[in-house]
Structures are given as structure tokens and as C-alpha cells.
Amino acid sequence: MKAYDDTKKAKHEQAKQRSLEAIDARLARHEKVTRIILTLVLISAGLTLTLLATHLIDLSN
């Protein structure tokens, strides 16, 4: 009976470890996507500010 309990416990621990690895992989993917989106937003904001500044300079001349 004891060996069966140990096997059941080991299987449970392995399942828990696989679950944690899957969660970690999902988190890494989300983190990568978030970085890409943040970079695109910053580039877009920089271009918008540049266009605005160019437009204001042209209006003042």
C-alpha cells in the first residue's frame, strides 16, 4: 500500500510540475508580446510627436 501511495504522490508532483512549466511558458509568451506591443506604441508616439512638431514649426513660419 505504501508503494502505491508513493507512486500516486510522484505522479501528482509530476503533473504539478508540468502544469507549472506550462504556466511559465505562457507567461513568457505574453511577456514577449507585451514588449513588442510596448515598443510599437513608443515608436508610434515618437512619430506622432515628430509630425506634430513639424506641423507646428511649419505653421509658425
PDB file of N, CA and C in Angstrom:
ATOM      1  N   MET A   1       0.815  -1.192   0.000  1.00  0.00           N
ATOM      2  CA  MET A   1       0.000   0.000   0.000  1.00  0.00           C
ATOM      3  C   MET A   1       0.861   1.260   0.000  1.00  0.00           C
ATOM      4  N   LYS A   2       1.960   1.219   0.717  1.00  0.00           N
ATOM      5  CA  LYS A   2       2.839   2.394   0.814  1.00  0.00           C
ATOM      6  C   LYS A   2       3.459   2.722  -0.539  1.00  0.00           C
ATOM      7  N   ALA A   3       3.892   1.698  -1.290  1.00  0.00           N
ATOM      8  CA  ALA A   3       4.494   1.937  -2.604  1.00  0.00           C
ATOM      9  C   ALA A   3       3.473   2.577  -3.532  1.00  0.00           C
ATOM     10  N   TYR A   4       2.236   2.168  -3.458  1.00  0.00           N
ATOM     11  CA  TYR A   4       1.183   2.736  -4.293  1.00  0.00           C
ATOM     12  C   TYR A   4       0.980   4.221  -3.957  1.00  0.00           C
ATOM     13  N   ASP A   5       1.003   4.539  -2.680  1.00  0.00           N
ATOM     14  CA  ASP A   5       0.838   5.926  -2.250  1.00  0.00           C
ATOM     15  C   ASP A   5       1.988   6.784  -2.760  1.00  0.00           C
ATOM     16  N   ASP A   6       3.214   6.252  -2.718  1.00  0.00           N
ATOM     17  CA  ASP A   6       4.373   6.995  -3.206  1.00  0.00           C
ATOM     18  C   ASP A   6       4.270   7.230  -4.704  1.00  0.00           C
ATOM     19  N   THR A   7       3.814   6.230  -5.450  1.00  0.00           N
ATOM     20  CA  THR A   7       3.674   6.366  -6.892  1.00  0.00           C
ATOM     21  C   THR A   7       2.613   7.414  -7.212  1.00  0.00           C
ATOM     22  N   LYS A   8       1.521   7.364  -6.491  1.00  0.00           N
ATOM     23  CA  LYS A   8       0.440   8.335  -6.702  1.00  0.00           C
ATOM     24  C   LYS A   8       0.937   9.747  -6.399  1.00  0.00           C
ATOM     25  N   LYS A   9       1.708   9.877  -5.335  1.00  0.00           N
ATOM     26  CA  LYS A   9       2.258  11.177  -4.954  1.00  0.00           C
ATOM     27  C   LYS A   9       3.248  11.657  -6.012  1.00  0.00           C
ATOM     28  N   ALA A  10       4.088  10.759  -6.528  1.00  0.00           N
ATOM     29  CA  ALA A  10       5.066  11.129  -7.557  1.00  0.00           C
ATOM     30  C   ALA A  10       4.360  11.578  -8.834  1.00  0.00           C
ATOM     31  N   LYS A  11       3.303  10.878  -9.218  1.00  0.00           N
ATOM     32  CA  LYS A  11       2.540  11.266 -10.411  1.00  0.00           C
ATOM     33  C   LYS A  11       1.900  12.638 -10.214  1.00  0.00           C
ATOM     34  N   HIS A  12       1.403  12.863  -9.014  1.00  0.00           N
ATOM     35  CA  HIS A  12       0.790  14.159  -8.718  1.00  0.00           C
ATOM     36  C   HIS A  12       1.831  15.275  -8.810  1.00  0.00           C
ATOM     37  N   GLU A  13       3.022  15.024  -8.265  1.00  0.00           N
ATOM     38  CA  GLU A  13       4.099  16.024  -8.313  1.00  0.00           C
ATOM     39  C   GLU A  13       4.527  16.288  -9.759  1.00  0.00           C
ATOM     40  N   GLN A  14       4.609  15.228 -10.582  1.00  0.00           N
ATOM     41  CA  GLN A  14       4.965  15.405 -11.991  1.00  0.00           C
ATOM     42  C   GLN A  14       3.905  16.215 -12.721  1.00  0.00           C
ATOM     43  N   ALA A  15       2.659  15.952 -12.451  1.00  0.00           N
ATOM     44  CA  ALA A  15       1.567  16.696 -13.082  1.00  0.00           C
ATOM     45  C   ALA A  15       1.614  18.164 -12.667  1.00  0.00           C
ATOM     46  N   LYS A  16       1.901  18.374 -11.395  1.00  0.00           N
ATOM     47  CA  LYS A  16       2.009  19.745 -10.901  1.00  0.00           C
ATOM     48  C   LYS A  16       3.183  20.463 -11.563  1.00  0.00           C
ATOM     49  N   GLN A  17       4.313  19.754 -11.731  1.00  0.00           N
ATOM     50  CA  GLN A  17       5.484  20.344 -12.370  1.00  0.00           C
ATOM     51  C   GLN A  17       5.183  20.693 -13.833  1.00  0.00           C
ATOM     52  N   ARG A  18       4.500  19.793 -14.555  1.00  0.00           N
ATOM     53  CA  ARG A  18       4.137  20.072 -15.958  1.00  0.00           C
ATOM     54  C   ARG A  18       3.208  21.280 -16.034  1.00  0.00           C
ATOM     55  N   SER A  19       2.298  21.372 -15.095  1.00  0.00           N
ATOM     56  CA  SER A  19       1.375  22.497 -15.071  1.00  0.00           C
ATOM     57  C   SER A  19       2.123  23.805 -14.846  1.00  0.00           C
ATOM     58  N   LEU A  20       3.063  23.796 -13.920  1.00  0.00           N
ATOM     59  CA  LEU A  20       3.863  24.995 -13.665  1.00  0.00           C
ATOM     60  C   LEU A  20       4.708  25.370 -14.875  1.00  0.00           C
ATOM     61  N   GLU A  21       5.261  24.370 -15.565  1.00  0.00           N
ATOM     62  CA  GLU A  21       6.053  24.649 -16.767  1.00  0.00           C
ATOM     63  C   GLU A  21       5.181  25.248 -17.864  1.00  0.00           C
ATOM     64  N   ALA A  22       3.959  24.758 -17.994  1.00  0.00           N
ATOM     65  CA  ALA A  22       3.034  25.298 -18.999  1.00  0.00           C
ATOM     66  C   ALA A  22       2.664  26.741 -18.664  1.00  0.00           C
ATOM     67  N   ILE A  23       2.439  27.011 -17.407  1.00  0.00           N
ATOM     68  CA  ILE A  23       2.125  28.373 -16.976  1.00  0.00           C
ATOM     69  C   ILE A  23       3.302  29.290 -17.250  1.00  0.00           C
ATOM     70  N   ASP A  24       4.499  28.824 -16.938  1.00  0.00           N
ATOM     71  CA  ASP A  24       5.707  29.618 -17.171  1.00  0.00           C
ATOM     72  C   ASP A  24       5.897  29.907 -18.660  1.00  0.00           C
ATOM     73  N   ALA A  25       5.652  28.927 -19.520  1.00  0.00           N
ATOM     74  CA  ALA A  25       5.793  29.122 -20.961  1.00  0.00           C
ATOM     75  C   ALA A  25       4.771  30.139 -21.466  1.00  0.00           C
ATOM     76  N   ARG A  26       3.541  30.041 -20.966  1.00  0.00           N
ATOM     77  CA  ARG A  26       2.507  31.005 -21.367  1.00  0.00           C
ATOM     78  C   ARG A  26       2.876  32.412 -20.926  1.00  0.00           C
ATOM     79  N   LEU A  27       3.387  32.535 -19.715  1.00  0.00           N
ATOM     80  CA  LEU A  27       3.792  33.833 -19.199  1.00  0.00           C
ATOM     81  C   LEU A  27       4.922  34.428 -20.040  1.00  0.00           C
ATOM     82  N   ALA A  28       5.872  33.599 -20.441  1.00  0.00           N
ATOM     83  CA  ALA A  28       6.983  34.077 -21.272  1.00  0.00           C
ATOM     84  C   ALA A  28       6.469  34.577 -22.618  1.00  0.00           C
ATOM     85  N   ARG A  29       5.508  33.861 -23.221  1.00  0.00           N
ATOM     86  CA  ARG A  29       4.934  34.312 -24.499  1.00  0.00           C
ATOM     87  C   ARG A  29       4.218  35.643 -24.336  1.00  0.00           C
ATOM     88  N   HIS A  30       3.422  35.782 -23.268  1.00  0.00           N
ATOM     89  CA  HIS A  30       2.706  37.028 -23.029  1.00  0.00           C
ATOM     90  C   HIS A  30       3.676  38.179 -22.791  1.00  0.00           C
ATOM     91  N   GLU A  31       4.754  37.893 -22.078  1.00  0.00           N
ATOM     92  CA  GLU A  31       5.752  38.922 -21.809  1.00  0.00           C
ATOM     93  C   GLU A  31       6.397  39.389 -23.109  1.00  0.00           C
ATOM     94  N   LYS A  32       6.695  38.459 -24.006  1.00  0.00           N
ATOM     95  CA  LYS A  32       7.300  38.812 -25.288  1.00  0.00           C
ATOM     96  C   LYS A  32       6.350  39.663 -26.123  1.00  0.00           C
ATOM     97  N   VAL A  33       5.086  39.269 -26.179  1.00  0.00           N
ATOM     98  CA  VAL A  33       4.080  40.031 -26.938  1.00  0.00           C
ATOM     99  C   VAL A  33       3.918  41.422 -26.334  1.00  0.00           C
ATOM    100  N   THR A  34       3.914  41.512 -25.012  1.00  0.00           N
ATOM    101  CA  THR A  34       3.779  42.802 -24.338  1.00  0.00           C
ATOM    102  C   THR A  34       4.940  43.719 -24.675  1.00  0.00           C
ATOM    103  N   ARG A  35       6.147  43.193 -24.711  1.00  0.00           N
ATOM    104  CA  ARG A  35       7.315  44.002 -25.072  1.00  0.00           C
ATOM    105  C   ARG A  35       7.214  44.512 -26.501  1.00  0.00           C
ATOM    106  N   ILE A  36       6.772  43.661 -27.411  1.00  0.00           N
ATOM    107  CA  ILE A  36       6.637  44.066 -28.810  1.00  0.00           C
ATOM    108  C   ILE A  36       5.581  45.166 -28.929  1.00  0.00           C
ATOM    109  N   ILE A  37       4.442  44.992 -28.265  1.00  0.00           N
ATOM    110  CA  ILE A  37       3.376  45.998 -28.319  1.00  0.00           C
ATOM    111  C   ILE A  37       3.861  47.316 -27.710  1.00  0.00           C
ATOM    112  N   LEU A  38       4.555  47.247 -26.593  1.00  0.00           N
ATOM    113  CA  LEU A  38       5.067  48.462 -25.961  1.00  0.00           C
ATOM    114  C   LEU A  38       6.044  49.181 -26.881  1.00  0.00           C
ATOM    115  N   THR A  39       6.913  48.442 -27.539  1.00  0.00           N
ATOM    116  CA  THR A  39       7.868  49.037 -28.475  1.00  0.00           C
ATOM    117  C   THR A  39       7.136  49.725 -29.621  1.00  0.00           C
ATOM    118  N   LEU A  40       6.119  49.059 -30.177  1.00  0.00           N
ATOM    119  CA  LEU A  40       5.347  49.660 -31.270  1.00  0.00           C
ATOM    120  C   LEU A  40       4.609  50.917 -30.817  1.00  0.00           C
ATOM    121  N   VAL A  41       4.065  50.901 -29.611  1.00  0.00           N
ATOM    122  CA  VAL A  41       3.374  52.076 -29.087  1.00  0.00           C
ATOM    123  C   VAL A  41       4.351  53.233 -28.898  1.00  0.00           C
ATOM    124  N   LEU A  42       5.538  52.952 -28.384  1.00  0.00           N
ATOM    125  CA  LEU A  42       6.530  54.013 -28.197  1.00  0.00           C
ATOM    126  C   LEU A  42       6.997  54.589 -29.530  1.00  0.00           C
ATOM    127  N   ILE A  43       7.195  53.732 -30.527  1.00  0.00           N
ATOM    128  CA  ILE A  43       7.585  54.213 -31.856  1.00  0.00           C
ATOM    129  C   ILE A  43       6.469  55.079 -32.445  1.00  0.00           C
ATOM    130  N   SER A  44       5.246  54.620 -32.302  1.00  0.00           N
ATOM    131  CA  SER A  44       4.098  55.378 -32.804  1.00  0.00           C
ATOM    132  C   SER A  44       3.995  56.735 -32.103  1.00  0.00           C
ATOM    133  N   ALA A  45       4.184  56.760 -30.806  1.00  0.00           N
ATOM    134  CA  ALA A  45       4.131  58.020 -30.060  1.00  0.00           C
ATOM    135  C   ALA A  45       5.251  58.955 -30.512  1.00  0.00           C
ATOM    136  N   GLY A  46       6.435  58.422 -30.724  1.00  0.00           N
ATOM    137  CA  GLY A  46       7.559  59.240 -31.198  1.00  0.00           C
ATOM    138  C   GLY A  46       7.282  59.825 -32.574  1.00  0.00           C
ATOM    139  N   LEU A  47       6.743  59.018 -33.468  1.00  0.00           N
ATOM    140  CA  LEU A  47       6.414  59.523 -34.802  1.00  0.00           C
ATOM    141  C   LEU A  47       5.318  60.579 -34.739  1.00  0.00           C
ATOM    142  N   THR A  48       4.332  60.365 -33.895  1.00  0.00           N
ATOM    143  CA  THR A  48       3.246  61.342 -33.743  1.00  0.00           C
ATOM    144  C   THR A  48       3.780  62.671 -33.224  1.00  0.00           C
ATOM    145  N   LEU A  49       4.655  62.611 -32.226  1.00  0.00           N
ATOM    146  CA  LEU A  49       5.237  63.845 -31.696  1.00  0.00           C
ATOM    147  C   LEU A  49       6.090  64.551 -32.744  1.00  0.00           C
ATOM    148  N   THR A  50       6.821  63.784 -33.529  1.00  0.00           N
ATOM    149  CA  THR A  50       7.641  64.362 -34.591  1.00  0.00           C
ATOM    150  C   THR A  50       6.771  65.054 -35.631  1.00  0.00           C
ATOM    151  N   LEU A  51       5.691  64.393 -36.049  1.00  0.00           N
ATOM    152  CA  LEU A  51       4.774  65.001 -37.016  1.00  0.00           C
ATOM    153  C   LEU A  51       4.117  66.253 -36.453  1.00  0.00           C
ATOM    154  N   LEU A  52       3.731  66.208 -35.194  1.00  0.00           N
ATOM    155  CA  LEU A  52       3.124  67.376 -34.558  1.00  0.00           C
ATOM    156  C   LEU A  52       4.114  68.539 -34.500  1.00  0.00           C
ATOM    157  N   ALA A  53       5.322  68.261 -34.087  1.00  0.00           N
ATOM    158  CA  ALA A  53       6.342  69.315 -34.012  1.00  0.00           C
ATOM    159  C   ALA A  53       6.624  69.891 -35.396  1.00  0.00           C
ATOM    160  N   THR A  54       6.732  69.041 -36.406  1.00  0.00           N
ATOM    161  CA  THR A  54       6.963  69.504 -37.773  1.00  0.00           C
ATOM    162  C   THR A  54       5.808  70.377 -38.243  1.00  0.00           C
ATOM    163  N   HIS A  55       4.600  69.962 -37.949  1.00  0.00           N
ATOM    164  CA  HIS A  55       3.423  70.725 -38.351  1.00  0.00           C
ATOM    165  C   HIS A  55       3.401  72.087 -37.649  1.00  0.00           C
ATOM    166  N   LEU A  56       3.699  72.125 -36.355  1.00  0.00           N
ATOM    167  CA  LEU A  56       3.705  73.389 -35.618  1.00  0.00           C
ATOM    168  C   LEU A  56       4.802  74.319 -36.112  1.00  0.00           C
ATOM    169  N   ILE A  57       5.951  73.782 -36.453  1.00  0.00           N
ATOM    170  CA  ILE A  57       7.051  74.597 -36.978  1.00  0.00           C
ATOM    171  C   ILE A  57       6.664  75.170 -38.325  1.00  0.00           C
ATOM    172  N   ASP A  58       6.027  74.375 -39.170  1.00  0.00           N
ATOM    173  CA  ASP A  58       5.593  74.861 -40.483  1.00  0.00           C
ATOM    174  C   ASP A  58       4.537  75.948 -40.338  1.00  0.00           C
ATOM    175  N   LEU A  59       3.654  75.834 -39.370  1.00  0.00           N
ATOM    176  CA  LEU A  59       2.629  76.856 -39.159  1.00  0.00           C
ATOM    177  C   LEU A  59       3.222  78.162 -38.651  1.00  0.00           C
ATOM    178  N   SER A  60       4.287  78.081 -37.872  1.00  0.00           N
ATOM    179  CA  SER A  60       4.884  79.294 -37.306  1.00  0.00           C
ATOM    180  C   SER A  60       5.702  80.043 -38.356  1.00  0.00           C
ATOM    181  N   ASN A  61       6.094  79.405 -39.435  1.00  0.00           N
ATOM    182  CA  ASN A  61       6.884  80.094 -40.475  1.00  0.00           C
ATOM    183  C   ASN A  61       6.017  80.748 -41.458  1.00  0.00           C
TER     184      ASN A  61
END
